[in-house]
Amino acid sequence: MHTHRLAIAGMSCDHCTRVVRSALEALPDVSPAEVRIGSALIVSDGSDTTLDRVRQAIEEAGYSITTMAPVER
C-alpha cells in the first residue's frame, strides 16, 4: 500500500471536505485516511491508473489537485 498527500484547490468549508471524502470513498483500492480543507491523505495501491482515477474523481467533484506527493512511512 502507498500513501499520498494531496493538495486540493477550491475547498473552503466542511461541506467541501465531505464531498471530497465521498468521492474518494467511492473509488476501489483507495482509502481516505484524512480529509481537511485544502488537503487529503490517501492510502491506495499506488498504481498510475488508481492515481489517475483519484484525480478524475476530485475534478468531477468540482475541485482540482495541485500536488500529489508520496508520503514515506
PDB file of N, CA and C in Angstrom:
ATOM      1  N   MET A   1       0.839  -1.176   0.000  1.00  0.00           N
ATOM      2  CA  MET A   1       0.000   0.000   0.000  1.00  0.00           C
ATOM      3  C   MET A   1       0.888   1.244   0.000  1.00  0.00           C
ATOM      4  N   HIS A   2       0.387   2.292  -0.638  1.00  0.00           N
ATOM      5  CA  HIS A   2       1.116   3.547  -0.758  1.00  0.00           C
ATOM      6  C   HIS A   2       0.276   4.680  -0.197  1.00  0.00           C
ATOM      7  N   THR A   3       0.943   5.647   0.416  1.00  0.00           N
ATOM      8  CA  THR A   3       0.272   6.810   0.977  1.00  0.00           C
ATOM      9  C   THR A   3       0.677   8.046   0.189  1.00  0.00           C
ATOM     10  N   HIS A   4      -0.306   8.882  -0.142  1.00  0.00           N
ATOM     11  CA  HIS A   4      -0.053  10.128  -0.867  1.00  0.00           C
ATOM     12  C   HIS A   4      -0.758  11.279  -0.162  1.00  0.00           C
ATOM     13  N   ARG A   5      -0.103  12.429  -0.144  1.00  0.00           N
ATOM     14  CA  ARG A   5      -0.687  13.672   0.356  1.00  0.00           C
ATOM     15  C   ARG A   5      -1.132  14.475  -0.860  1.00  0.00           C
ATOM     16  N   LEU A   6      -2.396  14.881  -0.880  1.00  0.00           N
ATOM     17  CA  LEU A   6      -2.950  15.666  -1.968  1.00  0.00           C
ATOM     18  C   LEU A   6      -3.188  17.089  -1.494  1.00  0.00           C
ATOM     19  N   ALA A   7      -2.764  18.063  -2.278  1.00  0.00           N
ATOM     20  CA  ALA A   7      -3.151  19.452  -2.057  1.00  0.00           C
ATOM     21  C   ALA A   7      -4.303  19.697  -3.025  1.00  0.00           C
ATOM     22  N   ILE A   8      -5.434  20.166  -2.498  1.00  0.00           N
ATOM     23  CA  ILE A   8      -6.649  20.287  -3.303  1.00  0.00           C
ATOM     24  C   ILE A   8      -7.127  21.731  -3.292  1.00  0.00           C
ATOM     25  N   ALA A   9      -7.244  22.305  -4.483  1.00  0.00           N
ATOM     26  CA  ALA A   9      -7.696  23.688  -4.622  1.00  0.00           C
ATOM     27  C   ALA A   9      -9.217  23.738  -4.707  1.00  0.00           C
ATOM     28  N   GLY A  10      -9.784  24.796  -4.140  1.00  0.00           N
ATOM     29  CA  GLY A  10     -11.215  25.028  -4.246  1.00  0.00           C
ATOM     30  C   GLY A  10     -12.014  24.616  -3.028  1.00  0.00           C
ATOM     31  N   MET A  11     -11.374  23.976  -2.065  1.00  0.00           N
ATOM     32  CA  MET A  11     -12.076  23.569  -0.853  1.00  0.00           C
ATOM     33  C   MET A  11     -12.068  24.729   0.142  1.00  0.00           C
ATOM     34  N   SER A  12     -13.252  25.032   0.716  1.00  0.00           N
ATOM     35  CA  SER A  12     -13.303  26.165   1.636  1.00  0.00           C
ATOM     36  C   SER A  12     -14.154  25.935   2.879  1.00  0.00           C
ATOM     37  N   CYS A  13     -14.776  24.739   2.995  1.00  0.00           N
ATOM     38  CA  CYS A  13     -15.673  24.531   4.135  1.00  0.00           C
ATOM     39  C   CYS A  13     -15.818  23.029   4.433  1.00  0.00           C
ATOM     40  N   ASP A  14     -16.564  22.739   5.499  1.00  0.00           N
ATOM     41  CA  ASP A  14     -16.794  21.345   5.885  1.00  0.00           C
ATOM     42  C   ASP A  14     -17.564  20.575   4.813  1.00  0.00           C
ATOM     43  N   HIS A  15     -18.466  21.261   4.133  1.00  0.00           N
ATOM     44  CA  HIS A  15     -19.199  20.610   3.033  1.00  0.00           C
ATOM     45  C   HIS A  15     -18.209  20.112   1.976  1.00  0.00           C
ATOM     46  N   CYS A  16     -17.215  20.924   1.658  1.00  0.00           N
ATOM     47  CA  CYS A  16     -16.202  20.532   0.671  1.00  0.00           C
ATOM     48  C   CYS A  16     -15.469  19.265   1.120  1.00  0.00           C
ATOM     49  N   THR A  17     -15.133  19.189   2.391  1.00  0.00           N
ATOM     50  CA  THR A  17     -14.419  18.001   2.869  1.00  0.00           C
ATOM     51  C   THR A  17     -15.295  16.759   2.768  1.00  0.00           C
ATOM     52  N   ARG A  18     -16.587  16.905   3.026  1.00  0.00           N
ATOM     53  CA  ARG A  18     -17.496  15.755   2.906  1.00  0.00           C
ATOM     54  C   ARG A  18     -17.620  15.309   1.453  1.00  0.00           C
ATOM     55  N   VAL A  19     -17.686  16.260   0.531  1.00  0.00           N
ATOM     56  CA  VAL A  19     -17.790  15.925  -0.892  1.00  0.00           C
ATOM     57  C   VAL A  19     -16.536  15.191  -1.350  1.00  0.00           C
ATOM     58  N   VAL A  20     -15.374  15.690  -0.971  1.00  0.00           N
ATOM     59  CA  VAL A  20     -14.110  15.053  -1.374  1.00  0.00           C
ATOM     60  C   VAL A  20     -13.995  13.672  -0.738  1.00  0.00           C
ATOM     61  N   ARG A  21     -14.319  13.551   0.544  1.00  0.00           N
ATOM     62  CA  ARG A  21     -14.250  12.245   1.208  1.00  0.00           C
ATOM     63  C   ARG A  21     -15.163  11.244   0.510  1.00  0.00           C
ATOM     64  N   SER A  22     -16.371  11.645   0.183  1.00  0.00           N
ATOM     65  CA  SER A  22     -17.313  10.755  -0.508  1.00  0.00           C
ATOM     66  C   SER A  22     -16.771  10.329  -1.874  1.00  0.00           C
ATOM     67  N   ALA A  23     -16.190  11.265  -2.599  1.00  0.00           N
ATOM     68  CA  ALA A  23     -15.627  10.946  -3.915  1.00  0.00           C
ATOM     69  C   ALA A  23     -14.501   9.932  -3.789  1.00  0.00           C
ATOM     70  N   LEU A  24     -13.660  10.096  -2.768  1.00  0.00           N
ATOM     71  CA  LEU A  24     -12.546   9.170  -2.568  1.00  0.00           C
ATOM     72  C   LEU A  24     -13.029   7.803  -2.072  1.00  0.00           C
ATOM     73  N   GLU A  25     -13.997   7.792  -1.182  1.00  0.00           N
ATOM     74  CA  GLU A  25     -14.520   6.533  -0.650  1.00  0.00           C
ATOM     75  C   GLU A  25     -15.198   5.691  -1.729  1.00  0.00           C
ATOM     76  N   ALA A  26     -15.677   6.329  -2.779  1.00  0.00           N
ATOM     77  CA  ALA A  26     -16.347   5.602  -3.863  1.00  0.00           C
ATOM     78  C   ALA A  26     -15.370   4.872  -4.780  1.00  0.00           C
ATOM     79  N   LEU A  27     -14.084   5.151  -4.645  1.00  0.00           N
ATOM     80  CA  LEU A  27     -13.087   4.534  -5.522  1.00  0.00           C
ATOM     81  C   LEU A  27     -12.587   3.210  -4.946  1.00  0.00           C
ATOM     82  N   PRO A  28     -12.496   2.177  -5.794  1.00  0.00           N
ATOM     83  CA  PRO A  28     -11.890   0.931  -5.315  1.00  0.00           C
ATOM     84  C   PRO A  28     -10.392   1.135  -5.111  1.00  0.00           C
ATOM     85  N   ASP A  29      -9.824   0.445  -4.196  1.00  0.00           N
ATOM     86  CA  ASP A  29      -8.377   0.496  -3.910  1.00  0.00           C
ATOM     87  C   ASP A  29      -7.902   1.831  -3.366  1.00  0.00           C
ATOM     88  N   VAL A  30      -8.825   2.676  -2.849  1.00  0.00           N
ATOM     89  CA  VAL A  30      -8.452   3.963  -2.263  1.00  0.00           C
ATOM     90  C   VAL A  30      -9.152   4.102  -0.922  1.00  0.00           C
ATOM     91  N   SER A  31      -8.389   4.531   0.078  1.00  0.00           N
ATOM     92  CA  SER A  31      -8.954   4.791   1.397  1.00  0.00           C
ATOM     93  C   SER A  31      -8.518   6.182   1.840  1.00  0.00           C
ATOM     94  N   PRO A  32      -9.476   7.093   2.055  1.00  0.00           N
ATOM     95  CA  PRO A  32      -9.089   8.414   2.548  1.00  0.00           C
ATOM     96  C   PRO A  32      -8.765   8.343   4.042  1.00  0.00           C
ATOM     97  N   ALA A  33      -7.508   8.514   4.376  1.00  0.00           N
ATOM     98  CA  ALA A  33      -7.097   8.445   5.773  1.00  0.00           C
ATOM     99  C   ALA A  33      -7.422   9.743   6.505  1.00  0.00           C
ATOM    100  N   GLU A  34      -7.396  10.850   5.761  1.00  0.00           N
ATOM    101  CA  GLU A  34      -7.640  12.157   6.359  1.00  0.00           C
ATOM    102  C   GLU A  34      -8.079  13.101   5.249  1.00  0.00           C
ATOM    103  N   VAL A  35      -9.123  13.873   5.488  1.00  0.00           N
ATOM    104  CA  VAL A  35      -9.547  14.899   4.542  1.00  0.00           C
ATOM    105  C   VAL A  35      -9.767  16.179   5.333  1.00  0.00           C
ATOM    106  N   ARG A  36      -9.043  17.218   4.953  1.00  0.00           N
ATOM    107  CA  ARG A  36      -9.167  18.536   5.579  1.00  0.00           C
ATOM    108  C   ARG A  36      -9.378  19.570   4.482  1.00  0.00           C
ATOM    109  N   ILE A  37      -9.754  20.754   4.876  1.00  0.00           N
ATOM    110  CA  ILE A  37      -9.902  21.823   3.889  1.00  0.00           C
ATOM    111  C   ILE A  37      -8.547  22.028   3.203  1.00  0.00           C
ATOM    112  N   GLY A  38      -8.530  21.805   1.908  1.00  0.00           N
ATOM    113  CA  GLY A  38      -7.326  22.028   1.112  1.00  0.00           C
ATOM    114  C   GLY A  38      -6.396  20.850   0.972  1.00  0.00           C
ATOM    115  N   SER A  39      -6.693  19.727   1.639  1.00  0.00           N
ATOM    116  CA  SER A  39      -5.780  18.592   1.514  1.00  0.00           C
ATOM    117  C   SER A  39      -6.454  17.275   1.861  1.00  0.00           C
ATOM    118  N   ALA A  40      -5.813  16.209   1.442  1.00  0.00           N
ATOM    119  CA  ALA A  40      -6.264  14.869   1.803  1.00  0.00           C
ATOM    120  C   ALA A  40      -5.054  13.957   1.874  1.00  0.00           C
ATOM    121  N   LEU A  41      -5.151  12.957   2.702  1.00  0.00           N
ATOM    122  CA  LEU A  41      -4.146  11.915   2.813  1.00  0.00           C
ATOM    123  C   LEU A  41      -4.858  10.621   2.433  1.00  0.00           C
ATOM    124  N   ILE A  42      -4.332   9.935   1.412  1.00  0.00           N
ATOM    125  CA  ILE A  42      -4.983   8.707   0.952  1.00  0.00           C
ATOM    126  C   ILE A  42      -4.021   7.540   1.015  1.00  0.00           C
ATOM    127  N   VAL A  43      -4.585   6.365   1.161  1.00  0.00           N
ATOM    128  CA  VAL A  43      -3.836   5.117   1.067  1.00  0.00           C
ATOM    129  C   VAL A  43      -4.426   4.369  -0.115  1.00  0.00           C
ATOM    130  N   SER A  44      -3.557   3.922  -1.022  1.00  0.00           N
ATOM    131  CA  SER A  44      -4.030   3.236  -2.220  1.00  0.00           C
ATOM    132  C   SER A  44      -3.019   2.189  -2.651  1.00  0.00           C
ATOM    133  N   ASP A  45      -3.354   1.494  -3.754  1.00  0.00           N
ATOM    134  CA  ASP A  45      -2.405   0.533  -4.294  1.00  0.00           C
ATOM    135  C   ASP A  45      -1.236   1.232  -4.979  1.00  0.00           C
ATOM    136  N   GLY A  46      -1.344   2.537  -5.206  1.00  0.00           N
ATOM    137  CA  GLY A  46      -0.244   3.323  -5.751  1.00  0.00           C
ATOM    138  C   GLY A  46      -0.059   3.242  -7.249  1.00  0.00           C
ATOM    139  N   SER A  47      -0.904   2.500  -7.945  1.00  0.00           N
ATOM    140  CA  SER A  47      -0.731   2.384  -9.397  1.00  0.00           C
ATOM    141  C   SER A  47      -1.091   3.700 -10.081  1.00  0.00           C
ATOM    142  N   ASP A  48      -0.508   3.921 -11.256  1.00  0.00           N
ATOM    143  CA  ASP A  48      -0.808   5.136 -12.014  1.00  0.00           C
ATOM    144  C   ASP A  48      -2.287   5.217 -12.351  1.00  0.00           C
ATOM    145  N   THR A  49      -2.894   4.075 -12.662  1.00  0.00           N
ATOM    146  CA  THR A  49      -4.315   4.044 -13.004  1.00  0.00           C
ATOM    147  C   THR A  49      -5.160   4.502 -11.823  1.00  0.00           C
ATOM    148  N   THR A  50      -4.857   4.017 -10.640  1.00  0.00           N
ATOM    149  CA  THR A  50      -5.600   4.413  -9.442  1.00  0.00           C
ATOM    150  C   THR A  50      -5.425   5.895  -9.162  1.00  0.00           C
ATOM    151  N   LEU A  51      -4.198   6.393  -9.265  1.00  0.00           N
ATOM    152  CA  LEU A  51      -3.954   7.808  -9.002  1.00  0.00           C
ATOM    153  C   LEU A  51      -4.637   8.683 -10.046  1.00  0.00           C
ATOM    154  N   ASP A  52      -4.724   8.222 -11.275  1.00  0.00           N
ATOM    155  CA  ASP A  52      -5.475   8.951 -12.311  1.00  0.00           C
ATOM    156  C   ASP A  52      -6.959   8.990 -11.952  1.00  0.00           C
ATOM    157  N   ARG A  53      -7.489   7.880 -11.422  1.00  0.00           N
ATOM    158  CA  ARG A  53      -8.894   7.843 -11.011  1.00  0.00           C
ATOM    159  C   ARG A  53      -9.141   8.791  -9.835  1.00  0.00           C
ATOM    160  N   VAL A  54      -8.173   8.897  -8.936  1.00  0.00           N
ATOM    161  CA  VAL A  54      -8.282   9.842  -7.815  1.00  0.00           C
ATOM    162  C   VAL A  54      -8.394  11.257  -8.363  1.00  0.00           C
ATOM    163  N   ARG A  55      -7.501  11.612  -9.275  1.00  0.00           N
ATOM    164  CA  ARG A  55      -7.517  12.955  -9.860  1.00  0.00           C
ATOM    165  C   ARG A  55      -8.854  13.217 -10.560  1.00  0.00           C
ATOM    166  N   GLN A  56      -9.328  12.253 -11.318  1.00  0.00           N
ATOM    167  CA  GLN A  56     -10.587  12.404 -12.042  1.00  0.00           C
ATOM    168  C   GLN A  56     -11.767  12.573 -11.075  1.00  0.00           C
ATOM    169  N   ALA A  57     -11.805  11.784 -10.020  1.00  0.00           N
ATOM    170  CA  ALA A  57     -12.896  11.863  -9.041  1.00  0.00           C
ATOM    171  C   ALA A  57     -12.922  13.224  -8.355  1.00  0.00           C
ATOM    172  N   ILE A  58     -11.756  13.747  -8.015  1.00  0.00           N
ATOM    173  CA  ILE A  58     -11.670  15.062  -7.370  1.00  0.00           C
ATOM    174  C   ILE A  58     -12.165  16.147  -8.333  1.00  0.00           C
ATOM    175  N   GLU A  59     -11.744  16.041  -9.591  1.00  0.00           N
ATOM    176  CA  GLU A  59     -12.172  17.030 -10.591  1.00  0.00           C
ATOM    177  C   GLU A  59     -13.670  16.943 -10.849  1.00  0.00           C
ATOM    178  N   GLU A  60     -14.216  15.743 -10.907  1.00  0.00           N
ATOM    179  CA  GLU A  60     -15.660  15.585 -11.109  1.00  0.00           C
ATOM    180  C   GLU A  60     -16.459  16.123  -9.927  1.00  0.00           C
ATOM    181  N   ALA A  61     -15.850  16.140  -8.750  1.00  0.00           N
ATOM    182  CA  ALA A  61     -16.493  16.694  -7.562  1.00  0.00           C
ATOM    183  C   ALA A  61     -16.420  18.220  -7.538  1.00  0.00           C
ATOM    184  N   GLY A  62     -15.657  18.815  -8.476  1.00  0.00           N
ATOM    185  CA  GLY A  62     -15.589  20.264  -8.578  1.00  0.00           C
ATOM    186  C   GLY A  62     -14.337  20.907  -8.025  1.00  0.00           C
ATOM    187  N   TYR A  63     -13.312  20.112  -7.743  1.00  0.00           N
ATOM    188  CA  TYR A  63     -12.080  20.622  -7.163  1.00  0.00           C
ATOM    189  C   TYR A  63     -10.910  20.207  -8.056  1.00  0.00           C
ATOM    190  N   SER A  64      -9.715  20.660  -7.722  1.00  0.00           N
ATOM    191  CA  SER A  64      -8.552  20.234  -8.506  1.00  0.00           C
ATOM    192  C   SER A  64      -7.377  19.938  -7.584  1.00  0.00           C
ATOM    193  N   ILE A  65      -6.609  18.939  -7.958  1.00  0.00           N
ATOM    194  CA  ILE A  65      -5.415  18.569  -7.202  1.00  0.00           C
ATOM    195  C   ILE A  65      -4.255  19.399  -7.728  1.00  0.00           C
ATOM    196  N   THR A  66      -3.624  20.172  -6.839  1.00  0.00           N
ATOM    197  CA  THR A  66      -2.488  20.977  -7.263  1.00  0.00           C
ATOM    198  C   THR A  66      -1.178  20.214  -7.091  1.00  0.00           C
ATOM    199  N   THR A  67      -1.103  19.355  -6.092  1.00  0.00           N
ATOM    200  CA  THR A  67       0.045  18.463  -5.935  1.00  0.00           C
ATOM    201  C   THR A  67      -0.412  17.130  -5.365  1.00  0.00           C
ATOM    202  N   MET A  68       0.309  16.088  -5.755  1.00  0.00           N
ATOM    203  CA  MET A  68       0.078  14.747  -5.233  1.00  0.00           C
ATOM    204  C   MET A  68       1.457  14.165  -4.963  1.00  0.00           C
ATOM    205  N   ALA A  69       1.798  14.042  -3.691  1.00  0.00           N
ATOM    206  CA  ALA A  69       3.139  13.614  -3.322  1.00  0.00           C
ATOM    207  C   ALA A  69       3.109  12.367  -2.458  1.00  0.00           C
ATOM    208  N   PRO A  70       3.991  11.411  -2.752  1.00  0.00           N
ATOM    209  CA  PRO A  70       4.073  10.220  -1.907  1.00  0.00           C
ATOM    210  C   PRO A  70       4.577  10.589  -0.508  1.00  0.00           C
ATOM    211  N   VAL A  71       4.084   9.863   0.467  1.00  0.00           N
ATOM    212  CA  VAL A  71       4.495  10.050   1.856  1.00  0.00           C
ATOM    213  C   VAL A  71       5.279   8.816   2.259  1.00  0.00           C
ATOM    214  N   GLU A  72       6.489   9.029   2.736  1.00  0.00           N
ATOM    215  CA  GLU A  72       7.307   7.916   3.198  1.00  0.00           C
ATOM    216  C   GLU A  72       6.883   7.536   4.600  1.00  0.00           C
ATOM    217  N   ARG A  73       6.745   6.245   4.830  1.00  0.00           N
ATOM    218  CA  ARG A  73       6.337   5.760   6.152  1.00  0.00           C
ATOM    219  C   ARG A  73       7.451   4.977   6.766  1.00  0.00           C
TER     220      ARG A  73
END
